[in-house]
Amino acid sequence: MKINLVLPHQLPFPPLRGGGVEQLNWLLARQFVLRGHQVTAYSRAVPELPARETDADGLSHVRVLGYDRHPNRWIDHLNALRYARSVSKVLEPADLSSFHTPFSFLLRRKAGAGICAHTIHRTPKWPLPLYRKLDRLYCGSDAVLAQAREIDGSITTLKRVYNCIALGPEAPRGRQGEENGGLKFLYVGRFVADKGIESLLKGFERAHFPANQLETVGPVSAPDGADY
């Protein structure tokens, strides 16, 4: 099967730093290649990576002009539209196209795009009905799925696929058989409210299990690394 994987306009691919969404796409793409599928990833061009290549895993890459995330939502979406136009010019025919851009409802019109899927990142917004004609809409959590149904209950193509993150061998590991009988929980992610860190801390306080431990790992002072 030929698969197109169209990534967002802000970040290069493969991911040069951590992130649940980027790691999920990276892991899935490599697994599809291992199972004999032909995968082409479309992403933002960066000086460190060639415009076109087939990497050591057998994954093909096509990189076009992208843009940093802009704090003004309208400007950010304008940049996303410009990126989508660039992708449209080089998008190859495929059996399946998986879109991770807000303008996937336009890219799906590309001849030969095949079965088209759109992934809802973070929380769904009011443009959700624009994606009705795509063959599948993917959500990263139960909460996102519920919010999408509240916005448009007529969409029947919603499916939940949980986000994940790849941990290297240097990641801290929970210790088995703690003397105090408690459990050790590890949170890996950015320290922001919409990632759930605030709810996690409050839940830990209210659970009343003093023997349990919580360890947090995420970027605090270094934008390209993790602090404990």
N, C-alpha and C. Protein backbone atom coordinates (compact mmCIF):
# COMPACT_ATOMS: atom_id res chain seq x y z
N MET A 1 0.84 -1.19 0.00
CA MET A 1 0.00 0.00 0.00
C MET A 1 0.88 1.25 0.00
N LYS A 2 0.50 2.24 -0.78
CA LYS A 2 1.21 3.53 -0.79
C LYS A 2 0.48 4.48 0.18
N ILE A 3 1.24 5.05 1.12
CA ILE A 3 0.68 5.91 2.16
C ILE A 3 1.36 7.27 2.13
N ASN A 4 0.55 8.33 2.08
CA ASN A 4 1.04 9.69 2.24
C ASN A 4 0.82 10.14 3.67
N LEU A 5 1.85 10.67 4.30
CA LEU A 5 1.76 11.20 5.66
C LEU A 5 2.10 12.68 5.61
N VAL A 6 1.09 13.55 5.73
CA VAL A 6 1.29 14.99 5.60
C VAL A 6 1.31 15.60 7.00
N LEU A 7 2.49 16.06 7.42
CA LEU A 7 2.70 16.59 8.77
C LEU A 7 2.39 18.09 8.83
N PRO A 8 2.32 18.68 10.04
CA PRO A 8 2.04 20.11 10.18
C PRO A 8 3.14 21.00 9.61
N HIS A 9 2.83 22.29 9.52
CA HIS A 9 3.76 23.24 8.90
C HIS A 9 4.85 23.73 9.83
N GLN A 10 4.76 23.44 11.16
CA GLN A 10 5.70 24.04 12.11
C GLN A 10 6.94 23.21 12.36
N LEU A 11 6.83 21.88 12.35
CA LEU A 11 7.92 21.04 12.85
C LEU A 11 8.51 20.15 11.76
N PRO A 12 9.83 19.93 11.80
CA PRO A 12 10.45 19.00 10.86
C PRO A 12 10.11 17.56 11.22
N PHE A 13 10.40 16.66 10.28
CA PHE A 13 10.14 15.24 10.49
C PHE A 13 11.27 14.45 9.83
N PRO A 14 11.88 13.46 10.53
CA PRO A 14 11.51 12.98 11.86
C PRO A 14 11.72 14.04 12.93
N PRO A 15 11.04 13.89 14.07
CA PRO A 15 11.10 14.93 15.10
C PRO A 15 12.51 15.12 15.63
N LEU A 16 12.92 16.38 15.73
CA LEU A 16 14.24 16.72 16.26
C LEU A 16 14.19 16.92 17.76
N ARG A 17 13.00 16.87 18.35
CA ARG A 17 12.85 16.97 19.80
C ARG A 17 11.65 16.11 20.21
N GLY A 18 11.38 16.02 21.51
CA GLY A 18 10.29 15.20 21.99
C GLY A 18 8.94 15.77 21.64
N GLY A 19 7.90 15.00 21.91
CA GLY A 19 6.54 15.43 21.63
C GLY A 19 5.68 14.23 21.32
N GLY A 20 4.54 14.11 22.01
CA GLY A 20 3.71 12.93 21.85
C GLY A 20 3.20 12.74 20.43
N VAL A 21 2.70 13.81 19.81
CA VAL A 21 2.13 13.70 18.47
C VAL A 21 3.21 13.35 17.45
N GLU A 22 4.35 14.05 17.52
CA GLU A 22 5.41 13.79 16.56
C GLU A 22 5.97 12.37 16.70
N GLN A 23 6.13 11.94 17.96
CA GLN A 23 6.65 10.59 18.18
C GLN A 23 5.66 9.53 17.72
N LEU A 24 4.37 9.79 17.92
CA LEU A 24 3.35 8.84 17.46
C LEU A 24 3.44 8.66 15.95
N ASN A 25 3.51 9.77 15.22
CA ASN A 25 3.61 9.69 13.77
C ASN A 25 4.89 8.98 13.33
N TRP A 26 5.98 9.27 14.02
CA TRP A 26 7.27 8.66 13.68
C TRP A 26 7.23 7.15 13.90
N LEU A 27 6.69 6.73 15.04
CA LEU A 27 6.61 5.30 15.33
C LEU A 27 5.69 4.58 14.35
N LEU A 28 4.54 5.17 14.05
CA LEU A 28 3.59 4.55 13.13
C LEU A 28 4.18 4.44 11.72
N ALA A 29 4.84 5.51 11.26
CA ALA A 29 5.41 5.50 9.92
C ALA A 29 6.44 4.37 9.77
N ARG A 30 7.30 4.22 10.76
CA ARG A 30 8.32 3.17 10.69
C ARG A 30 7.70 1.78 10.74
N GLN A 31 6.63 1.63 11.52
CA GLN A 31 5.97 0.32 11.60
C GLN A 31 5.31 -0.04 10.27
N PHE A 32 4.72 0.95 9.60
CA PHE A 32 4.11 0.68 8.30
C PHE A 32 5.16 0.26 7.28
N VAL A 33 6.34 0.90 7.33
CA VAL A 33 7.42 0.52 6.40
C VAL A 33 7.89 -0.90 6.70
N LEU A 34 8.03 -1.24 7.98
CA LEU A 34 8.46 -2.58 8.36
C LEU A 34 7.50 -3.66 7.88
N ARG A 35 6.24 -3.29 7.74
CA ARG A 35 5.22 -4.24 7.28
C ARG A 35 5.03 -4.23 5.77
N GLY A 36 5.97 -3.60 5.08
CA GLY A 36 5.99 -3.69 3.63
C GLY A 36 5.28 -2.59 2.87
N HIS A 37 4.79 -1.57 3.57
CA HIS A 37 4.10 -0.47 2.90
C HIS A 37 5.10 0.60 2.45
N GLN A 38 4.71 1.33 1.43
CA GLN A 38 5.53 2.44 0.92
C GLN A 38 4.99 3.73 1.52
N VAL A 39 5.80 4.39 2.34
CA VAL A 39 5.35 5.59 3.06
C VAL A 39 6.17 6.80 2.63
N THR A 40 5.47 7.87 2.27
CA THR A 40 6.11 9.14 1.96
C THR A 40 5.62 10.19 2.94
N ALA A 41 6.54 10.81 3.67
CA ALA A 41 6.20 11.83 4.66
C ALA A 41 6.50 13.21 4.09
N TYR A 42 5.52 14.11 4.23
CA TYR A 42 5.66 15.49 3.76
C TYR A 42 5.74 16.38 5.00
N SER A 43 6.81 17.18 5.07
CA SER A 43 7.03 17.96 6.28
C SER A 43 7.78 19.24 5.96
N ARG A 44 8.08 20.00 7.01
CA ARG A 44 8.76 21.28 6.87
C ARG A 44 10.24 21.09 6.52
N ALA A 45 10.73 21.90 5.61
CA ALA A 45 12.14 21.86 5.24
C ALA A 45 12.97 22.58 6.30
N VAL A 46 14.12 22.00 6.63
CA VAL A 46 15.08 22.61 7.56
C VAL A 46 16.48 22.41 6.99
N PRO A 47 17.43 23.30 7.33
CA PRO A 47 18.77 23.20 6.75
C PRO A 47 19.47 21.87 7.04
N GLU A 48 19.15 21.24 8.18
CA GLU A 48 19.86 20.01 8.56
C GLU A 48 19.45 18.80 7.73
N LEU A 49 18.33 18.87 7.01
CA LEU A 49 17.79 17.71 6.32
C LEU A 49 17.58 18.01 4.85
N PRO A 50 17.82 17.03 3.95
CA PRO A 50 17.64 17.26 2.51
C PRO A 50 16.17 17.41 2.14
N ALA A 51 15.92 18.07 1.00
CA ALA A 51 14.55 18.28 0.54
C ALA A 51 13.87 16.96 0.19
N ARG A 52 14.63 16.02 -0.32
CA ARG A 52 14.10 14.69 -0.65
C ARG A 52 15.12 13.64 -0.24
N GLU A 53 14.64 12.57 0.38
CA GLU A 53 15.54 11.48 0.75
C GLU A 53 14.71 10.25 1.12
N THR A 54 15.38 9.11 1.10
CA THR A 54 14.84 7.89 1.68
C THR A 54 15.78 7.51 2.82
N ASP A 55 15.27 7.51 4.05
CA ASP A 55 16.15 7.34 5.20
C ASP A 55 16.50 5.87 5.43
N ALA A 56 17.26 5.62 6.49
CA ALA A 56 17.75 4.27 6.79
C ALA A 56 16.63 3.29 7.08
N ASP A 57 15.46 3.79 7.52
CA ASP A 57 14.32 2.92 7.79
C ASP A 57 13.50 2.61 6.55
N GLY A 58 13.86 3.23 5.41
CA GLY A 58 13.09 3.01 4.19
C GLY A 58 11.93 3.98 4.02
N LEU A 59 11.87 5.01 4.87
CA LEU A 59 10.79 6.00 4.81
C LEU A 59 11.21 7.14 3.88
N SER A 60 10.36 7.44 2.89
CA SER A 60 10.64 8.52 1.95
C SER A 60 10.21 9.86 2.54
N HIS A 61 10.99 10.91 2.27
CA HIS A 61 10.69 12.24 2.79
C HIS A 61 10.64 13.26 1.66
N VAL A 62 9.64 14.12 1.71
CA VAL A 62 9.54 15.28 0.83
C VAL A 62 9.34 16.49 1.75
N ARG A 63 10.26 17.45 1.69
CA ARG A 63 10.21 18.60 2.60
C ARG A 63 10.04 19.89 1.82
N VAL A 64 9.07 20.71 2.27
CA VAL A 64 8.77 21.97 1.60
C VAL A 64 8.85 23.11 2.61
N LEU A 65 8.73 24.34 2.12
CA LEU A 65 8.83 25.50 2.98
C LEU A 65 7.75 25.48 4.07
N GLY A 66 8.19 25.60 5.33
CA GLY A 66 7.26 25.65 6.45
C GLY A 66 7.45 26.92 7.24
N TYR A 67 6.76 27.00 8.39
CA TYR A 67 6.76 28.24 9.16
C TYR A 67 6.70 27.92 10.65
N ASP A 68 7.32 28.79 11.45
CA ASP A 68 7.21 28.66 12.90
C ASP A 68 5.77 28.93 13.34
N ARG A 69 5.39 28.33 14.46
CA ARG A 69 4.06 28.61 15.00
C ARG A 69 3.98 30.08 15.39
N HIS A 70 2.93 30.75 14.93
CA HIS A 70 2.76 32.18 15.19
C HIS A 70 1.74 32.37 16.30
N PRO A 71 1.99 33.27 17.26
CA PRO A 71 1.03 33.47 18.35
C PRO A 71 -0.33 33.99 17.89
N ASN A 72 -0.36 34.67 16.76
CA ASN A 72 -1.64 35.12 16.20
C ASN A 72 -2.25 33.97 15.40
N ARG A 73 -3.42 33.51 15.83
CA ARG A 73 -4.01 32.32 15.22
C ARG A 73 -4.31 32.52 13.73
N TRP A 74 -4.73 33.71 13.35
CA TRP A 74 -5.08 33.95 11.95
C TRP A 74 -3.83 33.91 11.07
N ILE A 75 -2.73 34.50 11.55
CA ILE A 75 -1.48 34.45 10.79
C ILE A 75 -0.95 33.03 10.72
N ASP A 76 -1.09 32.29 11.83
CA ASP A 76 -0.64 30.90 11.85
C ASP A 76 -1.41 30.06 10.83
N HIS A 77 -2.72 30.29 10.74
CA HIS A 77 -3.52 29.54 9.77
C HIS A 77 -3.21 29.98 8.34
N LEU A 78 -2.86 31.25 8.14
CA LEU A 78 -2.45 31.70 6.81
C LEU A 78 -1.17 30.98 6.40
N ASN A 79 -0.24 30.84 7.33
CA ASN A 79 0.99 30.10 7.05
C ASN A 79 0.69 28.64 6.75
N ALA A 80 -0.26 28.07 7.48
CA ALA A 80 -0.65 26.68 7.23
C ALA A 80 -1.24 26.53 5.83
N LEU A 81 -1.98 27.53 5.37
CA LEU A 81 -2.55 27.50 4.03
C LEU A 81 -1.46 27.58 2.97
N ARG A 82 -0.47 28.43 3.21
CA ARG A 82 0.66 28.54 2.28
C ARG A 82 1.44 27.22 2.22
N TYR A 83 1.61 26.60 3.37
CA TYR A 83 2.28 25.29 3.43
C TYR A 83 1.49 24.24 2.68
N ALA A 84 0.16 24.23 2.87
CA ALA A 84 -0.69 23.25 2.19
C ALA A 84 -0.61 23.41 0.68
N ARG A 85 -0.50 24.65 0.22
CA ARG A 85 -0.36 24.88 -1.22
C ARG A 85 0.94 24.28 -1.74
N SER A 86 2.02 24.44 -0.98
CA SER A 86 3.30 23.86 -1.38
C SER A 86 3.24 22.34 -1.40
N VAL A 87 2.59 21.76 -0.39
CA VAL A 87 2.46 20.30 -0.34
C VAL A 87 1.63 19.80 -1.51
N SER A 88 0.57 20.52 -1.85
CA SER A 88 -0.32 20.09 -2.93
C SER A 88 0.43 19.94 -4.25
N LYS A 89 1.45 20.77 -4.46
CA LYS A 89 2.20 20.73 -5.71
C LYS A 89 3.04 19.47 -5.85
N VAL A 90 3.42 18.86 -4.72
CA VAL A 90 4.32 17.69 -4.77
C VAL A 90 3.66 16.42 -4.24
N LEU A 91 2.40 16.51 -3.82
CA LEU A 91 1.71 15.35 -3.24
C LEU A 91 1.53 14.26 -4.29
N GLU A 92 2.02 13.08 -3.99
CA GLU A 92 1.98 11.97 -4.93
C GLU A 92 0.69 11.16 -4.78
N PRO A 93 0.26 10.47 -5.83
CA PRO A 93 -0.90 9.58 -5.70
C PRO A 93 -0.62 8.50 -4.67
N ALA A 94 -1.65 8.09 -3.94
CA ALA A 94 -1.48 7.09 -2.88
C ALA A 94 -2.79 6.35 -2.65
N ASP A 95 -2.68 5.22 -1.98
CA ASP A 95 -3.89 4.48 -1.57
C ASP A 95 -4.53 5.14 -0.36
N LEU A 96 -3.69 5.75 0.51
CA LEU A 96 -4.17 6.37 1.74
C LEU A 96 -3.36 7.64 2.00
N SER A 97 -4.05 8.74 2.34
CA SER A 97 -3.39 9.98 2.73
C SER A 97 -3.84 10.35 4.13
N SER A 98 -2.87 10.48 5.04
CA SER A 98 -3.14 10.85 6.43
C SER A 98 -2.69 12.29 6.64
N PHE A 99 -3.66 13.19 6.91
CA PHE A 99 -3.37 14.62 7.02
C PHE A 99 -3.35 15.07 8.47
N HIS A 100 -2.36 15.91 8.79
CA HIS A 100 -2.22 16.49 10.13
C HIS A 100 -2.12 18.01 10.01
N THR A 101 -2.84 18.56 9.06
CA THR A 101 -2.86 19.99 8.80
C THR A 101 -4.29 20.50 8.82
N PRO A 102 -4.52 21.77 9.19
CA PRO A 102 -5.89 22.27 9.25
C PRO A 102 -6.57 22.36 7.89
N PHE A 103 -5.80 22.34 6.81
CA PHE A 103 -6.41 22.47 5.49
C PHE A 103 -6.46 21.14 4.74
N SER A 104 -6.61 20.05 5.49
CA SER A 104 -6.73 18.75 4.86
C SER A 104 -8.00 18.64 4.02
N PHE A 105 -9.03 19.43 4.37
CA PHE A 105 -10.27 19.37 3.59
C PHE A 105 -10.06 19.93 2.17
N LEU A 106 -8.98 20.70 1.96
CA LEU A 106 -8.62 21.14 0.61
C LEU A 106 -7.68 20.14 -0.06
N LEU A 107 -6.72 19.61 0.70
CA LEU A 107 -5.75 18.67 0.13
C LEU A 107 -6.43 17.37 -0.31
N ARG A 108 -7.54 17.01 0.31
CA ARG A 108 -8.23 15.78 -0.07
C ARG A 108 -8.74 15.84 -1.50
N ARG A 109 -8.84 17.04 -2.06
CA ARG A 109 -9.32 17.20 -3.44
C ARG A 109 -8.24 16.86 -4.46
N LYS A 110 -7.02 16.68 -4.00
CA LYS A 110 -5.93 16.34 -4.91
C LYS A 110 -6.22 15.00 -5.58
N ALA A 111 -6.12 14.96 -6.90
CA ALA A 111 -6.40 13.72 -7.64
C ALA A 111 -5.45 12.62 -7.20
N GLY A 112 -6.02 11.46 -6.93
CA GLY A 112 -5.21 10.31 -6.56
C GLY A 112 -4.83 10.24 -5.11
N ALA A 113 -5.42 11.10 -4.24
CA ALA A 113 -5.06 11.09 -2.82
C ALA A 113 -5.52 9.82 -2.11
N GLY A 114 -6.45 9.10 -2.70
CA GLY A 114 -6.92 7.85 -2.10
C GLY A 114 -7.83 8.09 -0.92
N ILE A 115 -7.89 7.12 -0.01
CA ILE A 115 -8.66 7.27 1.22
C ILE A 115 -8.00 8.35 2.07
N CYS A 116 -8.79 9.31 2.56
CA CYS A 116 -8.22 10.47 3.25
C CYS A 116 -8.66 10.51 4.71
N ALA A 117 -7.68 10.70 5.60
CA ALA A 117 -7.95 10.79 7.03
C ALA A 117 -7.37 12.09 7.58
N HIS A 118 -8.05 12.66 8.57
CA HIS A 118 -7.58 13.88 9.22
C HIS A 118 -7.45 13.60 10.72
N THR A 119 -6.35 14.04 11.31
CA THR A 119 -6.14 13.86 12.74
C THR A 119 -6.38 15.18 13.46
N ILE A 120 -7.25 15.13 14.49
CA ILE A 120 -7.54 16.32 15.30
C ILE A 120 -6.51 16.39 16.40
N HIS A 121 -5.69 17.43 16.37
CA HIS A 121 -4.67 17.61 17.40
C HIS A 121 -5.16 18.59 18.46
N ARG A 122 -4.84 18.32 19.70
CA ARG A 122 -5.29 19.13 20.82
C ARG A 122 -6.81 19.12 20.87
N THR A 123 -7.47 20.26 20.89
CA THR A 123 -8.94 20.27 21.01
C THR A 123 -9.58 20.62 19.68
N PRO A 124 -10.71 19.99 19.34
CA PRO A 124 -11.40 20.32 18.08
C PRO A 124 -11.99 21.72 18.14
N LYS A 125 -12.04 22.39 17.01
CA LYS A 125 -12.55 23.75 16.92
C LYS A 125 -13.79 23.80 16.03
N TRP A 126 -14.33 25.00 15.89
CA TRP A 126 -15.56 25.16 15.12
C TRP A 126 -15.46 24.71 13.67
N PRO A 127 -14.24 24.72 13.00
CA PRO A 127 -14.20 24.26 11.60
C PRO A 127 -14.41 22.76 11.42
N LEU A 128 -14.63 22.04 12.51
CA LEU A 128 -14.76 20.58 12.43
C LEU A 128 -15.70 20.11 11.30
N PRO A 129 -16.85 20.73 11.09
CA PRO A 129 -17.74 20.27 10.01
C PRO A 129 -17.10 20.31 8.62
N LEU A 130 -16.03 21.09 8.43
CA LEU A 130 -15.37 21.13 7.13
C LEU A 130 -14.73 19.80 6.77
N TYR A 131 -14.51 18.93 7.80
CA TYR A 131 -13.85 17.65 7.58
C TYR A 131 -14.84 16.50 7.38
N ARG A 132 -16.10 16.81 7.20
CA ARG A 132 -17.12 15.75 7.07
C ARG A 132 -16.84 14.80 5.91
N LYS A 133 -16.29 15.33 4.82
CA LYS A 133 -16.13 14.51 3.62
C LYS A 133 -14.87 13.66 3.64
N LEU A 134 -14.04 13.82 4.67
CA LEU A 134 -12.90 12.92 4.78
C LEU A 134 -13.37 11.55 5.26
N ASP A 135 -12.63 10.53 4.91
CA ASP A 135 -13.08 9.16 5.19
C ASP A 135 -12.96 8.78 6.66
N ARG A 136 -12.05 9.44 7.39
CA ARG A 136 -11.87 9.11 8.81
C ARG A 136 -11.32 10.32 9.55
N LEU A 137 -11.81 10.58 10.78
CA LEU A 137 -11.29 11.63 11.64
C LEU A 137 -10.75 10.97 12.90
N TYR A 138 -9.48 11.19 13.21
CA TYR A 138 -8.85 10.57 14.36
C TYR A 138 -8.69 11.57 15.50
N CYS A 139 -8.97 11.12 16.72
CA CYS A 139 -8.83 11.93 17.93
C CYS A 139 -7.82 11.27 18.85
N GLY A 140 -7.08 12.08 19.63
CA GLY A 140 -6.02 11.54 20.46
C GLY A 140 -6.42 11.14 21.85
N SER A 141 -7.70 11.34 22.23
CA SER A 141 -8.13 10.98 23.58
C SER A 141 -9.64 10.89 23.63
N ASP A 142 -10.15 10.34 24.73
CA ASP A 142 -11.60 10.28 24.93
C ASP A 142 -12.19 11.69 25.02
N ALA A 143 -11.46 12.61 25.67
CA ALA A 143 -11.95 13.97 25.84
C ALA A 143 -12.11 14.67 24.49
N VAL A 144 -11.12 14.53 23.61
CA VAL A 144 -11.19 15.16 22.29
C VAL A 144 -12.34 14.56 21.49
N LEU A 145 -12.53 13.26 21.60
CA LEU A 145 -13.63 12.60 20.90
C LEU A 145 -14.98 13.14 21.37
N ALA A 146 -15.14 13.30 22.69
CA ALA A 146 -16.38 13.82 23.24
C ALA A 146 -16.63 15.27 22.80
N GLN A 147 -15.57 16.08 22.79
CA GLN A 147 -15.71 17.47 22.38
C GLN A 147 -16.08 17.57 20.91
N ALA A 148 -15.52 16.69 20.07
CA ALA A 148 -15.84 16.70 18.65
C ALA A 148 -17.31 16.36 18.43
N ARG A 149 -17.81 15.42 19.19
CA ARG A 149 -19.22 15.05 19.04
C ARG A 149 -20.16 16.16 19.51
N GLU A 150 -19.70 16.95 20.48
CA GLU A 150 -20.50 18.09 20.92
C GLU A 150 -20.58 19.16 19.84
N ILE A 151 -19.48 19.35 19.11
CA ILE A 151 -19.45 20.36 18.06
C ILE A 151 -20.29 19.92 16.87
N ASP A 152 -20.17 18.67 16.47
CA ASP A 152 -20.92 18.16 15.32
C ASP A 152 -21.28 16.70 15.57
N GLY A 153 -22.48 16.49 16.07
CA GLY A 153 -22.92 15.13 16.37
C GLY A 153 -23.26 14.30 15.16
N SER A 154 -23.28 14.91 13.97
CA SER A 154 -23.65 14.17 12.76
C SER A 154 -22.47 13.44 12.13
N ILE A 155 -21.25 13.74 12.57
CA ILE A 155 -20.07 13.09 11.99
C ILE A 155 -19.96 11.67 12.55
N THR A 156 -19.90 10.70 11.65
CA THR A 156 -19.88 9.29 12.05
C THR A 156 -18.51 8.63 11.81
N THR A 157 -17.54 9.41 11.38
CA THR A 157 -16.24 8.83 11.03
C THR A 157 -15.17 9.04 12.10
N LEU A 158 -15.56 9.45 13.31
CA LEU A 158 -14.61 9.71 14.38
C LEU A 158 -14.06 8.41 14.96
N LYS A 159 -12.76 8.40 15.23
CA LYS A 159 -12.12 7.23 15.85
C LYS A 159 -11.03 7.71 16.79
N ARG A 160 -10.90 7.07 17.95
CA ARG A 160 -9.91 7.46 18.95
C ARG A 160 -8.64 6.62 18.80
N VAL A 161 -7.49 7.31 18.74
CA VAL A 161 -6.18 6.66 18.75
C VAL A 161 -5.33 7.42 19.76
N TYR A 162 -4.95 6.77 20.85
CA TYR A 162 -4.23 7.45 21.92
C TYR A 162 -2.84 7.88 21.47
N ASN A 163 -2.41 9.07 21.91
CA ASN A 163 -1.06 9.54 21.66
C ASN A 163 -0.07 8.72 22.48
N CYS A 164 1.21 8.75 22.07
CA CYS A 164 2.24 8.03 22.81
C CYS A 164 3.55 8.78 22.65
N ILE A 165 4.55 8.34 23.36
CA ILE A 165 5.87 8.96 23.26
C ILE A 165 6.93 7.87 23.40
N ALA A 166 8.01 8.01 22.65
CA ALA A 166 9.09 7.03 22.71
C ALA A 166 10.09 7.43 23.79
N LEU A 167 10.41 6.51 24.69
CA LEU A 167 11.38 6.76 25.76
C LEU A 167 12.66 6.00 25.46
N GLY A 168 13.78 6.71 25.51
CA GLY A 168 15.07 6.08 25.26
C GLY A 168 15.56 5.30 26.46
N PRO A 169 16.68 4.60 26.34
CA PRO A 169 17.21 3.78 27.45
C PRO A 169 17.63 4.60 28.65
N GLU A 170 17.83 5.92 28.46
CA GLU A 170 18.25 6.76 29.59
C GLU A 170 17.08 7.23 30.43
N ALA A 171 15.86 6.90 30.02
CA ALA A 171 14.69 7.35 30.78
C ALA A 171 14.65 6.71 32.16
N PRO A 172 14.19 7.44 33.17
CA PRO A 172 14.11 6.84 34.52
C PRO A 172 13.09 5.71 34.56
N ARG A 173 13.38 4.70 35.34
CA ARG A 173 12.51 3.53 35.44
C ARG A 173 12.00 3.38 36.86
N GLY A 174 10.75 2.96 36.97
CA GLY A 174 10.17 2.73 38.28
C GLY A 174 10.82 1.53 38.96
N ARG A 175 10.96 1.60 40.25
CA ARG A 175 11.60 0.52 41.00
C ARG A 175 10.54 -0.46 41.49
N GLN A 176 10.83 -1.73 41.31
CA GLN A 176 9.90 -2.77 41.74
C GLN A 176 10.13 -3.11 43.22
N GLY A 177 9.05 -3.48 43.92
CA GLY A 177 9.17 -3.95 45.29
C GLY A 177 9.59 -2.88 46.27
N GLU A 178 9.00 -1.68 46.17
CA GLU A 178 9.33 -0.62 47.11
C GLU A 178 9.03 -1.08 48.54
N GLU A 179 9.91 -0.72 49.48
CA GLU A 179 9.73 -1.15 50.87
C GLU A 179 8.45 -0.61 51.48
N ASN A 180 8.05 0.61 51.07
CA ASN A 180 6.86 1.19 51.68
C ASN A 180 5.57 0.74 50.99
N GLY A 181 5.68 -0.12 49.96
CA GLY A 181 4.50 -0.66 49.31
C GLY A 181 3.82 0.28 48.35
N GLY A 182 4.43 1.43 48.07
CA GLY A 182 3.81 2.39 47.17
C GLY A 182 4.16 2.15 45.72
N LEU A 183 3.48 2.89 44.85
CA LEU A 183 3.73 2.84 43.42
C LEU A 183 4.41 4.13 42.97
N LYS A 184 5.24 4.02 41.93
CA LYS A 184 5.90 5.20 41.38
C LYS A 184 5.29 5.53 40.02
N PHE A 185 4.80 6.77 39.88
CA PHE A 185 4.20 7.23 38.63
C PHE A 185 5.16 8.19 37.94
N LEU A 186 5.23 8.09 36.61
CA LEU A 186 6.12 8.93 35.83
C LEU A 186 5.30 9.72 34.83
N TYR A 187 5.39 11.06 34.92
CA TYR A 187 4.75 11.95 33.94
C TYR A 187 5.82 12.47 32.99
N VAL A 188 5.61 12.27 31.70
CA VAL A 188 6.55 12.75 30.69
C VAL A 188 5.81 13.70 29.77
N GLY A 189 6.18 14.96 29.75
CA GLY A 189 5.51 15.93 28.90
C GLY A 189 5.79 17.34 29.32
N ARG A 190 5.24 18.29 28.56
CA ARG A 190 5.42 19.69 28.91
C ARG A 190 4.61 20.04 30.15
N PHE A 191 5.12 20.99 30.93
CA PHE A 191 4.46 21.38 32.17
C PHE A 191 3.47 22.50 31.90
N VAL A 192 2.38 22.16 31.24
CA VAL A 192 1.32 23.12 30.94
C VAL A 192 -0.02 22.52 31.31
N ALA A 193 -0.98 23.39 31.61
CA ALA A 193 -2.27 22.91 32.11
C ALA A 193 -2.99 22.02 31.11
N ASP A 194 -2.93 22.37 29.82
CA ASP A 194 -3.70 21.58 28.85
C ASP A 194 -3.08 20.23 28.55
N LYS A 195 -1.92 19.94 29.12
CA LYS A 195 -1.35 18.60 29.04
C LYS A 195 -1.75 17.74 30.24
N GLY A 196 -2.47 18.34 31.19
CA GLY A 196 -2.98 17.56 32.31
C GLY A 196 -2.12 17.56 33.55
N ILE A 197 -1.00 18.30 33.56
CA ILE A 197 -0.11 18.24 34.71
C ILE A 197 -0.80 18.80 35.96
N GLU A 198 -1.59 19.86 35.83
CA GLU A 198 -2.27 20.44 36.99
C GLU A 198 -3.28 19.45 37.57
N SER A 199 -4.06 18.80 36.70
CA SER A 199 -5.02 17.82 37.18
C SER A 199 -4.33 16.64 37.84
N LEU A 200 -3.19 16.25 37.29
CA LEU A 200 -2.44 15.12 37.87
C LEU A 200 -1.97 15.44 39.28
N LEU A 201 -1.43 16.64 39.49
CA LEU A 201 -0.94 17.03 40.81
C LEU A 201 -2.09 17.11 41.82
N LYS A 202 -3.21 17.69 41.40
CA LYS A 202 -4.36 17.78 42.30
C LYS A 202 -4.90 16.39 42.63
N GLY A 203 -4.93 15.52 41.63
CA GLY A 203 -5.40 14.16 41.87
C GLY A 203 -4.52 13.40 42.83
N PHE A 204 -3.21 13.61 42.72
CA PHE A 204 -2.28 12.95 43.63
C PHE A 204 -2.52 13.41 45.06
N GLU A 205 -2.79 14.70 45.24
CA GLU A 205 -3.03 15.23 46.58
C GLU A 205 -4.32 14.66 47.18
N ARG A 206 -5.32 14.47 46.36
CA ARG A 206 -6.62 14.02 46.85
C ARG A 206 -6.72 12.50 46.99
N ALA A 207 -5.76 11.77 46.40
CA ALA A 207 -5.85 10.31 46.42
C ALA A 207 -5.55 9.73 47.81
N HIS A 208 -4.78 10.44 48.64
CA HIS A 208 -4.50 10.02 50.01
C HIS A 208 -3.78 8.67 50.07
N PHE A 209 -2.77 8.49 49.18
CA PHE A 209 -1.90 7.32 49.25
C PHE A 209 -0.48 7.83 49.46
N PRO A 210 -0.07 8.11 50.69
CA PRO A 210 1.24 8.74 50.95
C PRO A 210 2.41 7.94 50.43
N ALA A 211 2.25 6.62 50.31
CA ALA A 211 3.38 5.80 49.88
C ALA A 211 3.67 5.93 48.39
N ASN A 212 2.70 6.40 47.61
CA ASN A 212 2.91 6.56 46.18
C ASN A 212 3.82 7.75 45.89
N GLN A 213 4.54 7.66 44.78
CA GLN A 213 5.46 8.72 44.39
C GLN A 213 5.14 9.18 42.97
N LEU A 214 5.33 10.46 42.72
CA LEU A 214 5.15 11.03 41.38
C LEU A 214 6.45 11.69 40.94
N GLU A 215 6.95 11.28 39.79
CA GLU A 215 8.15 11.91 39.23
C GLU A 215 7.75 12.54 37.91
N THR A 216 8.16 13.80 37.71
CA THR A 216 7.80 14.51 36.49
C THR A 216 9.05 14.78 35.66
N VAL A 217 8.91 14.62 34.36
CA VAL A 217 10.00 14.85 33.42
C VAL A 217 9.45 15.71 32.28
N GLY A 218 10.04 16.88 32.08
CA GLY A 218 9.56 17.74 31.00
C GLY A 218 10.43 18.97 30.86
N PRO A 219 10.30 19.69 29.73
CA PRO A 219 11.12 20.88 29.52
C PRO A 219 10.69 22.01 30.45
N VAL A 220 11.61 22.45 31.32
CA VAL A 220 11.32 23.52 32.25
C VAL A 220 12.15 24.75 31.90
N SER A 221 13.47 24.59 31.88
CA SER A 221 14.34 25.72 31.58
C SER A 221 15.05 25.56 30.24
N ALA A 222 15.12 24.34 29.72
CA ALA A 222 15.81 24.09 28.46
C ALA A 222 14.79 23.74 27.39
N PRO A 223 14.67 24.51 26.31
CA PRO A 223 13.66 24.23 25.29
C PRO A 223 13.92 22.95 24.51
N ASP A 224 15.14 22.45 24.53
CA ASP A 224 15.46 21.27 23.73
C ASP A 224 15.76 20.05 24.60
N GLY A 225 15.40 20.11 25.87
CA GLY A 225 15.72 18.96 26.73
C GLY A 225 14.69 18.77 27.80
N ALA A 226 14.96 17.88 28.72
CA ALA A 226 14.03 17.56 29.80
C ALA A 226 14.68 17.86 31.14
N ASP A 227 13.92 18.44 32.05
CA ASP A 227 14.37 18.71 33.40
C ASP A 227 13.51 17.93 34.37
N TYR A 228 14.10 17.52 35.50
CA TYR A 228 13.38 16.74 36.50
C TYR A 228 12.92 17.66 37.63
